[in-house]
Protein backbone atom coordinates (compact mmCIF):
# COMPACT_ATOMS: atom_id res chain seq x y z
CA MET A 1 0.06 0.00 0.01
CA THR A 2 1.72 3.08 -1.11
CA SER A 3 1.47 6.67 0.09
CA HIS A 4 -0.75 9.04 -1.53
CA VAL A 5 -0.03 12.07 0.46
CA ALA A 6 0.54 15.18 -2.06
CA SER A 7 1.23 18.80 -1.25
CA ASP A 8 -2.50 19.66 -1.44
CA PHE A 9 -3.10 17.49 1.50
CA PRO A 10 -4.63 17.91 4.23
CA MET A 11 -7.56 19.34 2.73
CA ILE A 12 -10.85 21.03 4.32
CA ARG A 13 -14.00 20.91 2.51
CA THR A 14 -17.38 22.01 3.31
CA VAL A 15 -20.16 19.16 3.36
CA ASP A 16 -23.78 20.81 3.32
CA LEU A 17 -24.90 23.26 5.95
CA THR A 18 -23.49 21.38 9.07
CA GLY A 19 -20.59 19.52 8.14
CA MET A 20 -16.82 19.71 7.07
CA LEU A 21 -14.54 17.17 5.89
CA VAL A 22 -10.60 17.09 6.54
CA THR A 23 -8.96 14.83 4.06
CA PHE A 24 -5.55 13.66 4.51
CA ALA A 25 -4.84 11.92 1.07
CA ASP A 26 -6.70 10.65 -2.14
CA ALA A 27 -6.41 7.04 -1.22
CA LEU A 28 -5.81 4.86 1.75
CA SER A 29 -2.19 4.63 3.16
CA GLU A 30 -0.88 3.87 6.52
CA PRO A 31 0.25 7.55 7.13
CA SER A 32 -2.97 8.89 5.90
CA ASN A 33 -5.04 6.40 8.18
CA ARG A 34 -2.67 7.26 11.12
CA ALA A 35 -3.36 11.07 10.57
CA THR A 36 -6.96 10.47 10.47
CA LEU A 37 -7.28 8.65 13.63
CA ALA A 38 -4.82 10.95 15.42
CA PHE A 39 -6.53 14.14 14.21
CA ARG A 40 -10.26 12.82 15.18
CA GLN A 41 -8.85 11.91 18.57
CA ARG A 42 -7.52 15.57 18.99
CA LEU A 43 -10.96 17.11 17.96
CA GLU A 44 -12.68 14.87 20.62
CA ALA A 45 -10.20 15.89 23.20
CA LEU A 46 -10.60 19.63 22.43
CA GLY A 47 -14.43 19.40 22.85
CA LEU A 48 -15.14 22.54 20.69
CA ASP A 49 -18.43 24.02 21.58
CA GLY A 50 -20.83 23.63 18.53
CA VAL A 51 -19.29 20.48 17.39
CA LEU A 52 -21.96 17.77 17.50
CA GLU A 53 -20.11 14.66 16.11
CA THR A 54 -16.82 13.53 14.75
CA ALA A 55 -16.30 10.32 12.43
CA THR A 56 -13.46 9.02 10.34
CA SER A 57 -13.37 7.17 6.94
CA LEU A 58 -10.37 5.51 5.55
CA ALA A 59 -8.41 8.84 5.03
CA SER A 60 -10.86 11.62 6.27
CA VAL A 61 -12.31 12.97 9.38
CA TYR A 62 -16.16 14.18 9.26
CA ILE A 63 -17.24 17.13 11.71
CA ARG A 64 -20.92 17.60 12.08
CA PHE A 65 -21.58 21.11 13.91
CA ASP A 66 -24.27 23.51 14.68
CA PRO A 67 -23.75 26.71 12.60
CA ALA A 68 -25.90 28.65 15.17
CA ILE A 69 -23.23 27.96 17.83
CA LEU A 70 -20.08 27.62 15.56
CA ASP A 71 -19.92 29.11 12.14
CA HIS A 72 -18.31 27.69 9.00
CA HIS A 73 -15.43 30.40 8.98
CA ARG A 74 -14.65 29.80 12.71
CA LEU A 75 -14.75 26.11 12.48
CA GLN A 76 -12.44 26.19 9.33
CA ALA A 77 -10.03 28.59 10.97
CA ARG A 78 -9.75 26.37 14.03
CA LEU A 79 -9.30 23.15 11.95
CA GLU A 80 -6.44 25.00 10.04
CA GLU A 81 -4.96 25.95 13.13
CA GLU A 82 -4.89 22.41 14.57
CA LEU A 83 -3.64 20.90 11.32
CA SER A 84 -0.62 23.34 11.37
CA THR A 85 0.58 22.53 14.75
CA ARG A 86 2.31 19.24 13.84
CA ASP A 87 2.87 16.51 11.24
CA TRP A 88 -0.15 14.39 11.70
CA TYR A 89 1.10 11.61 9.28
CA GLN A 90 3.81 10.94 11.86
CA GLN A 91 1.57 11.03 14.93
CA ALA A 92 1.10 8.07 17.45
CA LEU A 93 -2.00 6.13 17.27
CA PRO A 94 -4.68 7.18 19.72
CA PRO A 95 -4.55 5.50 23.29
CA GLY A 96 -7.02 2.89 24.59
CA ARG A 97 -6.82 0.73 21.54
CA ARG A 98 -7.20 -3.16 21.93
CA PHE A 99 -5.58 -6.16 20.25
CA TRP A 100 -8.13 -8.99 19.47
CA ARG A 101 -7.33 -12.55 18.68
CA VAL A 102 -10.15 -14.11 16.75
CA PRO A 103 -10.45 -17.76 16.10
CA THR A 104 -11.09 -18.13 12.38
CA VAL A 105 -11.81 -21.31 10.28
CA TYR A 106 -10.17 -20.70 6.65
CA GLY A 107 -11.86 -22.53 3.74
CA THR A 108 -14.06 -25.57 4.09
CA ASP A 109 -17.56 -25.25 3.18
CA LEU A 110 -17.86 -22.37 5.77
CA ALA A 111 -15.60 -20.02 3.80
CA PRO A 112 -15.51 -21.41 0.27
CA GLN A 113 -13.47 -18.89 -1.59
CA LEU A 114 -10.34 -19.46 0.12
CA ALA A 115 -8.91 -21.52 -2.68
CA GLU A 116 -9.83 -18.83 -5.31
CA ALA A 117 -8.19 -16.16 -3.24
CA ALA A 118 -4.93 -18.00 -2.77
CA ASP A 119 -4.68 -19.09 -6.43
CA ALA A 120 -5.19 -15.33 -7.42
CA ALA A 121 -2.21 -14.63 -4.88
CA GLY A 122 -0.05 -17.36 -6.20
CA MET A 123 -0.29 -19.36 -3.15
CA SER A 124 -1.29 -22.76 -2.02
CA GLU A 125 -4.25 -22.75 0.54
CA ALA A 126 -1.79 -23.70 3.15
CA GLN A 127 0.50 -20.74 2.29
CA ALA A 128 -2.59 -18.52 2.25
CA ILE A 129 -3.78 -19.58 5.86
CA ASP A 130 -0.36 -19.06 7.07
CA SER A 131 -0.23 -15.55 5.36
CA LEU A 132 -3.65 -14.57 6.49
CA GLY A 133 -3.70 -15.95 9.95
CA SER A 134 -0.38 -14.38 10.75
CA ALA A 135 -1.24 -10.99 9.69
CA ARG A 136 -1.86 -8.29 12.31
CA VAL A 137 -4.31 -5.85 10.90
CA ARG A 138 -5.80 -2.40 12.10
CA VAL A 139 -9.32 -1.33 12.12
CA LEU A 140 -8.89 1.25 9.49
CA THR A 141 -12.57 2.49 9.61
CA ILE A 142 -16.08 1.47 10.72
CA GLY A 143 -18.73 1.52 7.96
CA PHE A 144 -21.11 0.05 5.48
CA ALA A 145 -23.17 -1.70 8.30
CA PRO A 146 -23.37 -1.09 11.93
CA GLY A 147 -20.13 -1.81 13.69
CA GLN A 148 -18.54 -3.32 10.65
CA PRO A 149 -14.75 -2.70 10.23
CA TYR A 150 -12.47 -2.36 7.33
CA LEU A 151 -8.89 -3.93 8.39
CA GLY A 152 -5.65 -3.79 6.82
CA PRO A 153 -3.27 -3.37 5.27
CA LEU A 154 -2.49 -6.89 4.08
CA GLY A 155 0.66 -7.53 2.00
CA PRO A 156 0.89 -6.55 -1.61
CA GLU A 157 0.16 -10.22 -2.73
CA TRP A 158 -3.33 -9.59 -1.46
CA ASP A 159 -4.07 -6.78 -3.62
CA LEU A 160 -6.65 -8.49 -5.55
CA PRO A 161 -9.65 -6.83 -7.10
CA ARG A 162 -13.25 -7.26 -6.06
CA GLN A 163 -15.39 -9.86 -7.61
CA THR A 164 -17.22 -8.77 -10.90
CA GLU A 165 -20.43 -10.50 -9.60
CA LEU A 166 -21.88 -10.54 -6.05
CA THR A 167 -21.94 -13.56 -3.84
CA PRO A 168 -25.61 -13.66 -3.05
CA MET A 169 -25.06 -13.76 0.71
CA VAL A 170 -22.39 -14.53 3.28
CA PRO A 171 -23.23 -15.01 7.02
CA ARG A 172 -22.63 -12.70 10.03
CA GLY A 173 -18.95 -13.27 11.06
CA ALA A 174 -17.73 -13.84 7.40
CA LEU A 175 -13.98 -12.72 6.94
CA VAL A 176 -13.80 -11.30 3.25
CA LEU A 177 -11.06 -10.17 1.32
CA ALA A 178 -10.09 -7.55 -1.38
CA ILE A 179 -7.84 -4.75 -2.38
CA ARG A 180 -5.37 -5.70 0.58
CA GLN A 181 -8.27 -5.37 3.04
CA PHE A 182 -10.44 -7.45 5.19
CA VAL A 183 -13.84 -6.89 6.10
CA LEU A 184 -15.42 -8.54 9.12
CA PHE A 185 -19.34 -8.63 8.44
CA SER A 186 -21.60 -7.75 11.20
CA SER A 187 -24.62 -9.44 9.62
CA ALA A 188 -25.48 -11.54 6.73
CA THR A 189 -25.09 -9.55 3.38
CA PRO A 190 -24.40 -9.79 -0.21
CA THR A 191 -20.82 -9.02 -1.17
CA GLY A 192 -18.29 -8.68 -3.88
CA TRP A 193 -15.34 -9.61 -1.89
CA ARG A 194 -14.04 -13.20 -1.52
CA HIS A 195 -15.19 -15.21 1.58
CA VAL A 196 -11.99 -16.68 2.92
CA GLY A 197 -12.66 -17.15 6.53
CA GLN A 198 -15.37 -17.55 9.08
CA THR A 199 -15.54 -16.37 12.74
CA GLY A 200 -18.25 -16.62 15.40
CA PHE A 201 -17.37 -13.14 16.52
CA MET A 202 -20.75 -10.95 16.90
CA ILE A 203 -19.12 -7.41 16.41
CA PHE A 204 -22.57 -5.83 16.63
CA ARG A 205 -25.01 -6.52 19.44
CA PRO A 206 -27.53 -3.80 19.66
CA GLU A 207 -28.77 -5.17 23.09
CA ALA A 208 -25.23 -4.78 24.79
CA GLU A 209 -24.21 -1.84 26.79
CA ALA A 210 -21.58 -1.27 24.04
CA PRO A 211 -23.04 -2.45 20.74
CA PHE A 212 -20.01 -2.00 18.65
CA ALA A 213 -17.08 -4.51 19.85
CA LEU A 214 -14.36 -2.48 17.66
CA GLN A 215 -13.36 0.77 17.28
CA ALA A 216 -11.18 2.46 14.71
CA GLY A 217 -7.50 1.93 15.65
CA ASP A 218 -8.18 -1.58 17.24
CA GLU A 219 -5.72 -4.43 15.94
CA LEU A 220 -6.78 -7.90 15.06
CA GLN A 221 -5.32 -11.27 14.28
CA PHE A 222 -7.62 -14.05 12.81
CA GLU A 223 -5.91 -16.95 14.22
CA PRO A 224 -6.31 -20.24 12.17
CA VAL A 225 -8.30 -23.07 13.99
CA SER A 226 -9.84 -26.26 12.60
CA ARG A 227 -13.70 -26.57 11.45
CA ALA A 228 -14.25 -28.72 14.58
CA ASP A 229 -12.69 -26.33 17.05
CA PHE A 230 -14.59 -23.53 15.29
CA LEU A 231 -17.92 -25.09 15.74
CA LYS A 232 -17.05 -25.87 19.38
CA LEU A 233 -16.16 -22.41 20.15
CA ARG A 234 -19.28 -21.00 18.49
CA GLU A 235 -21.39 -23.19 20.64
CA SER A 236 -19.59 -22.54 23.84
CA ASP A 237 -19.18 -18.77 23.30
CA ALA A 238 -21.92 -17.64 21.13
CA ALA A 239 -21.34 -13.89 21.26
CA MET A 240 -17.37 -13.78 21.11
CA GLY A 241 -16.59 -17.17 19.25
CA GLY A 242 -13.56 -17.31 21.38
CA ALA A 243 -12.36 -13.72 20.54
CA ILE A 244 -10.12 -12.21 23.34
CA ALA A 245 -8.89 -8.66 23.46
CA GLU A 246 -6.00 -7.01 25.32
CA GLU A 247 -5.12 -3.34 25.79
CA ILE A 248 -2.29 -2.10 23.47
CA PRO A 249 0.11 -0.25 25.63
CA ALA A 250 0.33 3.55 24.69
């Protein structure tokens, strides 16, 4: 994943009457995602009067505000001031992140597109499992569905395009792959990404005190387990599927 940081970034743009967007690159890169997470954390810490909400995408921070309290010009000036204070592309990732180990069955009838993805990457299935199962990936952003993470980056060998046709449905907990990223599905859905692994991790539970299990900046490793062990974990630990987390030291 190459850097796409250019001289005209970071860029501030207006989004309708109540939004602004701070963009750090025109495509995902590790530095631009790092800057996005760090800048959003800074805005949250500032607690600017009139800012109602902040959210991140892969390389941008969205700010929703009340123009009756904080007008566009004052907000833009404050954003420009904060952007000028440091090199955001080199900032430390925010504190409070967690590292998740998630038991995952690769291939079998539960994740039937592993062989296809492995072949596209020039690997055997065993090599693909070793590669994917040892990768430690970051939650780059949450989106598309409630609590659903985009995770990466994977190695350049996994820069596989999306499928040209949709898979009609993959189940909740499906681990799918394209363009050097994983997506872990929070609900059953159609997808154009290849279904290479299956987890029992329920990342969105609306009835829980904290409905979203993951947050942007968390890191995950999808550790290989056998089909039999996966089924046992799913039965004994229905919500987590054996997933465990530990705090990442600041």
